[in-house]
């Protein structure tokens, strides 16, 4: 059987996800921050489910309210090319790393 994931797949087991270590936001943020372009992660969708996604880009946008720069990650979340832009303040809550062991 092919254990590999395809874009948009839901995690087949919680053991495939490195969760955001709930109580340790700074550690979760650090691990998510280390993602590189074209690396994979599970991204929380608006319906609360996670999808296997690829990091397509990192961008800096300006907050229209105060003009401050905001770091964002752009993920492609489906084979059809749907994308989701996640601001840095949500990274620890919405992005989970993939455990290497699930891709063996």
PDB file of N, CA and C in Angstrom:
ATOM      1  N   UNK A   1       0.843  -1.195   0.000  1.00  0.00           N
ATOM      2  CA  UNK A   1       0.000   0.000   0.000  1.00  0.00           C
ATOM      3  C   UNK A   1       0.880   1.247   0.000  1.00  0.00           C
ATOM      4  N   UNK A   2       0.405   2.271  -0.644  1.00  0.00           N
ATOM      5  CA  UNK A   2       1.156   3.513  -0.715  1.00  0.00           C
ATOM      6  C   UNK A   2       0.789   4.381   0.482  1.00  0.00           C
ATOM      7  N   UNK A   3       1.757   4.549   1.381  1.00  0.00           N
ATOM      8  CA  UNK A   3       1.485   5.312   2.593  1.00  0.00           C
ATOM      9  C   UNK A   3       1.680   6.806   2.365  1.00  0.00           C
ATOM     10  N   UNK A   4       2.209   7.143   1.212  1.00  0.00           N
ATOM     11  CA  UNK A   4       2.493   8.558   0.984  1.00  0.00           C
ATOM     12  C   UNK A   4       1.200   9.354   0.862  1.00  0.00           C
ATOM     13  N   UNK A   5       1.298  10.599   1.200  1.00  0.00           N
ATOM     14  CA  UNK A   5       0.144  11.486   1.142  1.00  0.00           C
ATOM     15  C   UNK A   5       0.108  12.254  -0.167  1.00  0.00           C
ATOM     16  N   UNK A   6      -1.079  12.671  -0.538  1.00  0.00           N
ATOM     17  CA  UNK A   6      -1.279  13.564  -1.683  1.00  0.00           C
ATOM     18  C   UNK A   6      -1.877  14.860  -1.172  1.00  0.00           C
ATOM     19  N   UNK A   7      -1.667  15.931  -1.931  1.00  0.00           N
ATOM     20  CA  UNK A   7      -2.210  17.220  -1.519  1.00  0.00           C
ATOM     21  C   UNK A   7      -3.696  17.098  -1.203  1.00  0.00           C
ATOM     22  N   UNK A   8      -4.095  17.703  -0.097  1.00  0.00           N
ATOM     23  CA  UNK A   8      -5.496  17.709   0.282  1.00  0.00           C
ATOM     24  C   UNK A   8      -5.905  16.542   1.163  1.00  0.00           C
ATOM     25  N   UNK A   9      -5.047  15.512   1.274  1.00  0.00           N
ATOM     26  CA  UNK A   9      -5.392  14.365   2.118  1.00  0.00           C
ATOM     27  C   UNK A   9      -5.485  14.784   3.582  1.00  0.00           C
ATOM     28  N   UNK A  10      -6.414  14.155   4.287  1.00  0.00           N
ATOM     29  CA  UNK A  10      -6.480  14.325   5.736  1.00  0.00           C
ATOM     30  C   UNK A  10      -5.480  13.368   6.363  1.00  0.00           C
ATOM     31  N   UNK A  11      -4.973  13.699   7.556  1.00  0.00           N
ATOM     32  CA  UNK A  11      -4.061  12.769   8.218  1.00  0.00           C
ATOM     33  C   UNK A  11      -4.772  11.445   8.492  1.00  0.00           C
ATOM     34  N   UNK A  12      -4.109  10.356   8.186  1.00  0.00           N
ATOM     35  CA  UNK A  12      -4.715   9.043   8.404  1.00  0.00           C
ATOM     36  C   UNK A  12      -4.520   8.562   9.836  1.00  0.00           C
ATOM     37  N   UNK A  13      -3.622   9.210  10.546  1.00  0.00           N
ATOM     38  CA  UNK A  13      -3.382   8.851  11.943  1.00  0.00           C
ATOM     39  C   UNK A  13      -2.817  10.069  12.657  1.00  0.00           C
ATOM     40  N   UNK A  14      -3.213  10.260  13.916  1.00  0.00           N
ATOM     41  CA  UNK A  14      -2.643  11.394  14.652  1.00  0.00           C
ATOM     42  C   UNK A  14      -1.143  11.214  14.858  1.00  0.00           C
ATOM     43  N   UNK A  15      -0.669   9.977  14.712  1.00  0.00           N
ATOM     44  CA  UNK A  15       0.774   9.736  14.872  1.00  0.00           C
ATOM     45  C   UNK A  15       1.568  10.305  13.697  1.00  0.00           C
ATOM     46  N   UNK A  16       0.880  10.731  12.632  1.00  0.00           N
ATOM     47  CA  UNK A  16       1.569  11.305  11.468  1.00  0.00           C
ATOM     48  C   UNK A  16       1.789  12.811  11.621  1.00  0.00           C
ATOM     49  N   UNK A  17       1.209  13.373  12.674  1.00  0.00           N
ATOM     50  CA  UNK A  17       1.266  14.820  12.861  1.00  0.00           C
ATOM     51  C   UNK A  17       2.115  15.148  14.077  1.00  0.00           C
ATOM     52  N   UNK A  18       2.958  16.160  13.927  1.00  0.00           N
ATOM     53  CA  UNK A  18       3.629  16.725  15.097  1.00  0.00           C
ATOM     54  C   UNK A  18       2.767  17.918  15.501  1.00  0.00           C
ATOM     55  N   UNK A  19       1.995  17.759  16.564  1.00  0.00           N
ATOM     56  CA  UNK A  19       1.079  18.832  16.953  1.00  0.00           C
ATOM     57  C   UNK A  19       1.826  20.004  17.544  1.00  0.00           C
ATOM     58  N   UNK A  20       1.161  21.129  17.576  1.00  0.00           N
ATOM     59  CA  UNK A  20       1.766  22.386  18.013  1.00  0.00           C
ATOM     60  C   UNK A  20       2.108  22.429  19.487  1.00  0.00           C
ATOM     61  N   UNK A  21       2.227  21.276  20.119  1.00  0.00           N
ATOM     62  CA  UNK A  21       2.713  21.213  21.496  1.00  0.00           C
ATOM     63  C   UNK A  21       1.935  22.197  22.352  1.00  0.00           C
ATOM     64  N   UNK A  22       0.648  22.312  22.054  1.00  0.00           N
ATOM     65  CA  UNK A  22      -0.311  23.228  22.666  1.00  0.00           C
ATOM     66  C   UNK A  22       0.229  24.215  23.680  1.00  0.00           C
ATOM     67  N   UNK A  23       0.759  23.692  24.790  1.00  0.00           N
ATOM     68  CA  UNK A  23       1.156  24.603  25.866  1.00  0.00           C
ATOM     69  C   UNK A  23       2.448  25.331  25.528  1.00  0.00           C
ATOM     70  N   UNK A  24       3.182  24.855  24.529  1.00  0.00           N
ATOM     71  CA  UNK A  24       4.469  25.487  24.230  1.00  0.00           C
ATOM     72  C   UNK A  24       4.427  26.181  22.877  1.00  0.00           C
ATOM     73  N   UNK A  25       3.782  27.346  22.853  1.00  0.00           N
ATOM     74  CA  UNK A  25       3.592  28.097  21.603  1.00  0.00           C
ATOM     75  C   UNK A  25       4.917  28.488  20.955  1.00  0.00           C
ATOM     76  N   UNK A  26       5.888  28.912  21.790  1.00  0.00           N
ATOM     77  CA  UNK A  26       7.140  29.401  21.192  1.00  0.00           C
ATOM     78  C   UNK A  26       7.889  28.264  20.501  1.00  0.00           C
ATOM     79  N   UNK A  27       7.829  27.074  21.080  1.00  0.00           N
ATOM     80  CA  UNK A  27       8.488  25.920  20.451  1.00  0.00           C
ATOM     81  C   UNK A  27       7.763  25.537  19.168  1.00  0.00           C
ATOM     82  N   UNK A  28       6.430  25.567  19.229  1.00  0.00           N
ATOM     83  CA  UNK A  28       5.640  25.249  18.038  1.00  0.00           C
ATOM     84  C   UNK A  28       5.942  26.248  16.928  1.00  0.00           C
ATOM     85  N   UNK A  29       5.994  27.525  17.296  1.00  0.00           N
ATOM     86  CA  UNK A  29       6.265  28.570  16.306  1.00  0.00           C
ATOM     87  C   UNK A  29       7.647  28.382  15.695  1.00  0.00           C
ATOM     88  N   UNK A  30       8.619  28.040  16.522  1.00  0.00           N
ATOM     89  CA  UNK A  30       9.984  27.841  16.025  1.00  0.00           C
ATOM     90  C   UNK A  30      10.033  26.686  15.032  1.00  0.00           C
ATOM     91  N   UNK A  31       9.333  25.585  15.343  1.00  0.00           N
ATOM     92  CA  UNK A  31       9.398  24.430  14.443  1.00  0.00           C
ATOM     93  C   UNK A  31       8.688  24.730  13.131  1.00  0.00           C
ATOM     94  N   UNK A  32       7.564  25.421  13.190  1.00  0.00           N
ATOM     95  CA  UNK A  32       6.846  25.770  11.962  1.00  0.00           C
ATOM     96  C   UNK A  32       7.643  26.801  11.154  1.00  0.00           C
ATOM     97  N   UNK A  33       8.289  27.725  11.851  1.00  0.00           N
ATOM     98  CA  UNK A  33       9.085  28.759  11.174  1.00  0.00           C
ATOM     99  C   UNK A  33      10.207  28.159  10.340  1.00  0.00           C
ATOM    100  N   UNK A  34      10.638  26.957  10.716  1.00  0.00           N
ATOM    101  CA  UNK A  34      11.772  26.333  10.024  1.00  0.00           C
ATOM    102  C   UNK A  34      11.372  25.710   8.681  1.00  0.00           C
ATOM    103  N   UNK A  35      10.068  25.667   8.392  1.00  0.00           N
ATOM    104  CA  UNK A  35       9.621  25.091   7.109  1.00  0.00           C
ATOM    105  C   UNK A  35      10.229  25.849   5.942  1.00  0.00           C
ATOM    106  N   UNK A  36      10.642  25.097   4.941  1.00  0.00           N
ATOM    107  CA  UNK A  36      11.204  25.713   3.737  1.00  0.00           C
ATOM    108  C   UNK A  36      10.214  25.567   2.588  1.00  0.00           C
ATOM    109  N   UNK A  37      10.381  26.433   1.584  1.00  0.00           N
ATOM    110  CA  UNK A  37       9.532  26.369   0.390  1.00  0.00           C
ATOM    111  C   UNK A  37       9.572  24.938  -0.162  1.00  0.00           C
ATOM    112  N   UNK A  38       8.419  24.445  -0.550  1.00  0.00           N
ATOM    113  CA  UNK A  38       8.218  23.108  -1.118  1.00  0.00           C
ATOM    114  C   UNK A  38       8.301  21.993  -0.083  1.00  0.00           C
ATOM    115  N   UNK A  39       8.325  22.331   1.199  1.00  0.00           N
ATOM    116  CA  UNK A  39       8.189  21.312   2.230  1.00  0.00           C
ATOM    117  C   UNK A  39       6.701  21.172   2.571  1.00  0.00           C
ATOM    118  N   UNK A  40       6.364  20.024   3.159  1.00  0.00           N
ATOM    119  CA  UNK A  40       4.960  19.699   3.415  1.00  0.00           C
ATOM    120  C   UNK A  40       4.591  19.888   4.885  1.00  0.00           C
ATOM    121  N   UNK A  41       3.323  20.157   5.102  1.00  0.00           N
ATOM    122  CA  UNK A  41       2.795  20.287   6.459  1.00  0.00           C
ATOM    123  C   UNK A  41       1.306  19.958   6.403  1.00  0.00           C
ATOM    124  N   UNK A  42       0.730  19.724   7.570  1.00  0.00           N
ATOM    125  CA  UNK A  42      -0.729  19.626   7.657  1.00  0.00           C
ATOM    126  C   UNK A  42      -1.246  20.993   8.080  1.00  0.00           C
ATOM    127  N   UNK A  43      -2.163  21.541   7.285  1.00  0.00           N
ATOM    128  CA  UNK A  43      -2.683  22.887   7.526  1.00  0.00           C
ATOM    129  C   UNK A  43      -4.150  22.792   7.915  1.00  0.00           C
ATOM    130  N   UNK A  44      -4.509  23.499   8.977  1.00  0.00           N
ATOM    131  CA  UNK A  44      -5.887  23.489   9.456  1.00  0.00           C
ATOM    132  C   UNK A  44      -6.751  24.319   8.519  1.00  0.00           C
ATOM    133  N   UNK A  45      -7.818  23.715   8.037  1.00  0.00           N
ATOM    134  CA  UNK A  45      -8.733  24.383   7.114  1.00  0.00           C
ATOM    135  C   UNK A  45      -9.837  25.080   7.891  1.00  0.00           C
ATOM    136  N   UNK A  46     -10.644  25.853   7.187  1.00  0.00           N
ATOM    137  CA  UNK A  46     -11.709  26.598   7.858  1.00  0.00           C
ATOM    138  C   UNK A  46     -12.741  25.680   8.501  1.00  0.00           C
ATOM    139  N   UNK A  47     -12.827  24.435   8.016  1.00  0.00           N
ATOM    140  CA  UNK A  47     -13.782  23.491   8.610  1.00  0.00           C
ATOM    141  C   UNK A  47     -13.190  22.756   9.815  1.00  0.00           C
ATOM    142  N   UNK A  48     -11.966  23.121  10.205  1.00  0.00           N
ATOM    143  CA  UNK A  48     -11.351  22.525  11.383  1.00  0.00           C
ATOM    144  C   UNK A  48     -10.538  21.275  11.100  1.00  0.00           C
ATOM    145  N   UNK A  49     -10.618  20.765   9.860  1.00  0.00           N
ATOM    146  CA  UNK A  49      -9.844  19.568   9.518  1.00  0.00           C
ATOM    147  C   UNK A  49      -8.487  19.973   8.961  1.00  0.00           C
ATOM    148  N   UNK A  50      -7.545  19.042   9.052  1.00  0.00           N
ATOM    149  CA  UNK A  50      -6.205  19.300   8.524  1.00  0.00           C
ATOM    150  C   UNK A  50      -6.068  18.707   7.130  1.00  0.00           C
ATOM    151  N   UNK A  51      -5.328  19.402   6.265  1.00  0.00           N
ATOM    152  CA  UNK A  51      -5.053  18.911   4.916  1.00  0.00           C
ATOM    153  C   UNK A  51      -3.552  18.888   4.681  1.00  0.00           C
ATOM    154  N   UNK A  52      -3.111  17.842   3.990  1.00  0.00           N
ATOM    155  CA  UNK A  52      -1.708  17.733   3.589  1.00  0.00           C
ATOM    156  C   UNK A  52      -1.453  18.815   2.544  1.00  0.00           C
ATOM    157  N   UNK A  53      -0.513  19.697   2.829  1.00  0.00           N
ATOM    158  CA  UNK A  53      -0.313  20.892   2.010  1.00  0.00           C
ATOM    159  C   UNK A  53       1.166  21.131   1.779  1.00  0.00           C
ATOM    160  N   UNK A  54       1.460  21.926   0.773  1.00  0.00           N
ATOM    161  CA  UNK A  54       2.857  22.251   0.462  1.00  0.00           C
ATOM    162  C   UNK A  54       3.063  23.762   0.610  1.00  0.00           C
ATOM    163  N   UNK A  55       4.175  24.123   1.219  1.00  0.00           N
ATOM    164  CA  UNK A  55       4.506  25.537   1.380  1.00  0.00           C
ATOM    165  C   UNK A  55       4.965  26.084   0.025  1.00  0.00           C
ATOM    166  N   UNK A  56       4.170  26.973  -0.536  1.00  0.00           N
ATOM    167  CA  UNK A  56       4.452  27.493  -1.873  1.00  0.00           C
ATOM    168  C   UNK A  56       5.268  28.775  -1.825  1.00  0.00           C
ATOM    169  N   UNK A  57       5.073  29.568  -0.778  1.00  0.00           N
ATOM    170  CA  UNK A  57       5.733  30.870  -0.748  1.00  0.00           C
ATOM    171  C   UNK A  57       5.700  31.421   0.668  1.00  0.00           C
ATOM    172  N   UNK A  58       6.613  32.339   0.905  1.00  0.00           N
ATOM    173  CA  UNK A  58       6.582  33.142   2.130  1.00  0.00           C
ATOM    174  C   UNK A  58       6.517  34.584   1.671  1.00  0.00           C
ATOM    175  N   UNK A  59       5.624  35.333   2.249  1.00  0.00           N
ATOM    176  CA  UNK A  59       5.454  36.716   1.815  1.00  0.00           C
ATOM    177  C   UNK A  59       5.437  37.642   3.022  1.00  0.00           C
ATOM    178  N   UNK A  60       5.648  38.899   2.743  1.00  0.00           N
ATOM    179  CA  UNK A  60       5.491  39.933   3.765  1.00  0.00           C
ATOM    180  C   UNK A  60       4.372  40.851   3.271  1.00  0.00           C
ATOM    181  N   UNK A  61       3.349  41.007   4.080  1.00  0.00           N
ATOM    182  CA  UNK A  61       2.292  41.944   3.715  1.00  0.00           C
ATOM    183  C   UNK A  61       2.252  43.034   4.771  1.00  0.00           C
ATOM    184  N   UNK A  62       1.651  44.144   4.404  1.00  0.00           N
ATOM    185  CA  UNK A  62       1.508  45.238   5.359  1.00  0.00           C
ATOM    186  C   UNK A  62       0.097  45.201   5.953  1.00  0.00           C
ATOM    187  N   UNK A  63       0.033  45.300   7.254  1.00  0.00           N
ATOM    188  CA  UNK A  63      -1.253  45.385   7.923  1.00  0.00           C
ATOM    189  C   UNK A  63      -1.888  46.724   7.563  1.00  0.00           C
ATOM    190  N   UNK A  64      -3.089  46.712   6.941  1.00  0.00           N
ATOM    191  CA  UNK A  64      -3.689  47.973   6.501  1.00  0.00           C
ATOM    192  C   UNK A  64      -3.983  48.923   7.661  1.00  0.00           C
ATOM    193  N   UNK A  65      -4.185  48.365   8.864  1.00  0.00           N
ATOM    194  CA  UNK A  65      -4.534  49.223  10.010  1.00  0.00           C
ATOM    195  C   UNK A  65      -3.355  50.051  10.499  1.00  0.00           C
ATOM    196  N   UNK A  66      -2.214  49.393  10.697  1.00  0.00           N
ATOM    197  CA  UNK A  66      -1.089  50.114  11.311  1.00  0.00           C
ATOM    198  C   UNK A  66       0.158  50.170  10.437  1.00  0.00           C
ATOM    199  N   UNK A  67       0.083  49.549   9.231  1.00  0.00           N
ATOM    200  CA  UNK A  67       1.230  49.611   8.331  1.00  0.00           C
ATOM    201  C   UNK A  67       2.381  48.708   8.709  1.00  0.00           C
ATOM    202  N   UNK A  68       2.209  47.921   9.781  1.00  0.00           N
ATOM    203  CA  UNK A  68       3.279  47.009  10.198  1.00  0.00           C
ATOM    204  C   UNK A  68       3.373  45.848   9.226  1.00  0.00           C
ATOM    205  N   UNK A  69       4.604  45.357   9.054  1.00  0.00           N
ATOM    206  CA  UNK A  69       4.803  44.222   8.161  1.00  0.00           C
ATOM    207  C   UNK A  69       4.405  42.932   8.875  1.00  0.00           C
ATOM    208  N   UNK A  70       3.731  42.070   8.136  1.00  0.00           N
ATOM    209  CA  UNK A  70       3.273  40.795   8.677  1.00  0.00           C
ATOM    210  C   UNK A  70       3.834  39.681   7.800  1.00  0.00           C
ATOM    211  N   UNK A  71       4.506  38.719   8.433  1.00  0.00           N
ATOM    212  CA  UNK A  71       5.064  37.587   7.696  1.00  0.00           C
ATOM    213  C   UNK A  71       3.955  36.559   7.478  1.00  0.00           C
ATOM    214  N   UNK A  72       3.866  36.043   6.264  1.00  0.00           N
ATOM    215  CA  UNK A  72       2.834  35.059   5.940  1.00  0.00           C
ATOM    216  C   UNK A  72       3.455  33.853   5.237  1.00  0.00           C
ATOM    217  N   UNK A  73       2.770  32.714   5.376  1.00  0.00           N
ATOM    218  CA  UNK A  73       3.112  31.531   4.597  1.00  0.00           C
ATOM    219  C   UNK A  73       1.935  31.247   3.668  1.00  0.00           C
ATOM    220  N   UNK A  74       2.267  30.886   2.431  1.00  0.00           N
ATOM    221  CA  UNK A  74       1.231  30.550   1.458  1.00  0.00           C
ATOM    222  C   UNK A  74       1.333  29.052   1.175  1.00  0.00           C
ATOM    223  N   UNK A  75       0.268  28.327   1.508  1.00  0.00           N
ATOM    224  CA  UNK A  75       0.231  26.880   1.287  1.00  0.00           C
ATOM    225  C   UNK A  75      -0.727  26.545   0.159  1.00  0.00           C
ATOM    226  N   UNK A  76      -0.353  25.572  -0.673  1.00  0.00           N
ATOM    227  CA  UNK A  76      -1.298  24.987  -1.622  1.00  0.00           C
ATOM    228  C   UNK A  76      -1.881  23.772  -0.918  1.00  0.00           C
ATOM    229  N   UNK A  77      -3.228  23.737  -0.827  1.00  0.00           N
ATOM    230  CA  UNK A  77      -3.884  22.751   0.034  1.00  0.00           C
ATOM    231  C   UNK A  77      -4.644  21.674  -0.733  1.00  0.00           C
ATOM    232  N   UNK A  78      -4.632  21.748  -2.069  1.00  0.00           N
ATOM    233  CA  UNK A  78      -5.371  20.732  -2.837  1.00  0.00           C
ATOM    234  C   UNK A  78      -4.746  20.560  -4.207  1.00  0.00           C
ATOM    235  N   UNK A  79      -5.042  19.421  -4.865  1.00  0.00           N
ATOM    236  CA  UNK A  79      -4.513  19.200  -6.214  1.00  0.00           C
ATOM    237  C   UNK A  79      -5.053  20.232  -7.203  1.00  0.00           C
ATOM    238  N   UNK A  80      -6.198  20.828  -6.885  1.00  0.00           N
ATOM    239  CA  UNK A  80      -6.786  21.833  -7.789  1.00  0.00           C
ATOM    240  C   UNK A  80      -6.103  23.190  -7.642  1.00  0.00           C
ATOM    241  N   UNK A  81      -5.212  23.294  -6.671  1.00  0.00           N
ATOM    242  CA  UNK A  81      -4.463  24.543  -6.518  1.00  0.00           C
ATOM    243  C   UNK A  81      -5.053  25.524  -5.531  1.00  0.00           C
ATOM    244  N   UNK A  82      -6.013  25.087  -4.707  1.00  0.00           N
ATOM    245  CA  UNK A  82      -6.519  25.981  -3.659  1.00  0.00           C
ATOM    246  C   UNK A  82      -5.366  26.374  -2.754  1.00  0.00           C
ATOM    247  N   UNK A  83      -5.392  27.611  -2.314  1.00  0.00           N
ATOM    248  CA  UNK A  83      -4.298  28.039  -1.450  1.00  0.00           C
ATOM    249  C   UNK A  83      -4.844  28.698  -0.193  1.00  0.00           C
ATOM    250  N   UNK A  84      -3.997  28.738   0.811  1.00  0.00           N
ATOM    251  CA  UNK A  84      -4.363  29.341   2.083  1.00  0.00           C
ATOM    252  C   UNK A  84      -3.177  30.166   2.552  1.00  0.00           C
ATOM    253  N   UNK A  85      -3.451  31.410   2.892  1.00  0.00           N
ATOM    254  CA  UNK A  85      -2.406  32.306   3.395  1.00  0.00           C
ATOM    255  C   UNK A  85      -2.556  32.374   4.913  1.00  0.00           C
ATOM    256  N   UNK A  86      -1.485  32.087   5.611  1.00  0.00           N
ATOM    257  CA  UNK A  86      -1.543  32.068   7.071  1.00  0.00           C
ATOM    258  C   UNK A  86      -0.553  33.071   7.640  1.00  0.00           C
ATOM    259  N   UNK A  87      -1.080  34.003   8.425  1.00  0.00           N
ATOM    260  CA  UNK A  87      -0.226  35.007   9.065  1.00  0.00           C
ATOM    261  C   UNK A  87       0.550  34.377  10.208  1.00  0.00           C
ATOM    262  N   UNK A  88       1.706  34.961  10.466  1.00  0.00           N
ATOM    263  CA  UNK A  88       2.623  34.420  11.476  1.00  0.00           C
ATOM    264  C   UNK A  88       1.925  34.154  12.809  1.00  0.00           C
ATOM    265  N   UNK A  89       1.021  35.045  13.225  1.00  0.00           N
ATOM    266  CA  UNK A  89       0.424  34.871  14.553  1.00  0.00           C
ATOM    267  C   UNK A  89      -0.442  33.611  14.643  1.00  0.00           C
ATOM    268  N   UNK A  90      -0.779  33.033  13.495  1.00  0.00           N
ATOM    269  CA  UNK A  90      -1.594  31.811  13.493  1.00  0.00           C
ATOM    270  C   UNK A  90      -0.776  30.545  13.195  1.00  0.00           C
ATOM    271  N   UNK A  91       0.514  30.702  12.901  1.00  0.00           N
ATOM    272  CA  UNK A  91       1.301  29.530  12.491  1.00  0.00           C
ATOM    273  C   UNK A  91       1.228  28.408  13.519  1.00  0.00           C
ATOM    274  N   UNK A  92       1.419  28.736  14.785  1.00  0.00           N
ATOM    275  CA  UNK A  92       1.481  27.693  15.815  1.00  0.00           C
ATOM    276  C   UNK A  92       0.148  26.959  15.961  1.00  0.00           C
ATOM    277  N   UNK A  93      -0.949  27.633  15.639  1.00  0.00           N
ATOM    278  CA  UNK A  93      -2.276  27.024  15.791  1.00  0.00           C
ATOM    279  C   UNK A  93      -2.733  26.276  14.549  1.00  0.00           C
ATOM    280  N   UNK A  94      -2.266  26.690  13.387  1.00  0.00           N
ATOM    281  CA  UNK A  94      -2.864  26.193  12.142  1.00  0.00           C
ATOM    282  C   UNK A  94      -1.949  25.334  11.291  1.00  0.00           C
ATOM    283  N   UNK A  95      -0.671  25.260  11.651  1.00  0.00           N
ATOM    284  CA  UNK A  95       0.271  24.482  10.839  1.00  0.00           C
ATOM    285  C   UNK A  95       0.911  23.420  11.715  1.00  0.00           C
ATOM    286  N   UNK A  96       0.841  22.176  11.275  1.00  0.00           N
ATOM    287  CA  UNK A  96       1.478  21.065  11.997  1.00  0.00           C
ATOM    288  C   UNK A  96       2.480  20.391  11.077  1.00  0.00           C
ATOM    289  N   UNK A  97       3.627  20.067  11.628  1.00  0.00           N
ATOM    290  CA  UNK A  97       4.633  19.384  10.836  1.00  0.00           C
ATOM    291  C   UNK A  97       4.245  17.922  10.648  1.00  0.00           C
ATOM    292  N   UNK A  98       4.794  17.348   9.593  1.00  0.00           N
ATOM    293  CA  UNK A  98       4.532  15.943   9.247  1.00  0.00           C
ATOM    294  C   UNK A  98       5.648  15.097   9.857  1.00  0.00           C
ATOM    295  N   UNK A  99       5.284  14.028  10.553  1.00  0.00           N
ATOM    296  CA  UNK A  99       6.300  13.119  11.076  1.00  0.00           C
ATOM    297  C   UNK A  99       6.922  12.353   9.937  1.00  0.00           C
ATOM    298  N   UNK A 100       8.243  12.364   9.847  1.00  0.00           N
ATOM    299  CA  UNK A 100       8.940  11.686   8.752  1.00  0.00           C
ATOM    300  C   UNK A 100       8.558  10.214   8.663  1.00  0.00           C
ATOM    301  N   UNK A 101       8.296   9.615   9.812  1.00  0.00           N
ATOM    302  CA  UNK A 101       8.055   8.166   9.821  1.00  0.00           C
ATOM    303  C   UNK A 101       6.837   7.780   9.006  1.00  0.00           C
ATOM    304  N   UNK A 102       5.885   8.707   8.816  1.00  0.00           N
ATOM    305  CA  UNK A 102       4.664   8.320   8.088  1.00  0.00           C
ATOM    306  C   UNK A 102       4.912   8.281   6.589  1.00  0.00           C
ATOM    307  N   UNK A 103       6.076   8.723   6.164  1.00  0.00           N
ATOM    308  CA  UNK A 103       6.350   8.756   4.720  1.00  0.00           C
ATOM    309  C   UNK A 103       7.307   7.654   4.291  1.00  0.00           C
ATOM    310  N   UNK A 104       7.648   6.789   5.224  1.00  0.00           N
ATOM    311  CA  UNK A 104       8.580   5.688   4.881  1.00  0.00           C
ATOM    312  C   UNK A 104       7.966   4.741   3.871  1.00  0.00           C
TER     313      UNK A 104
END
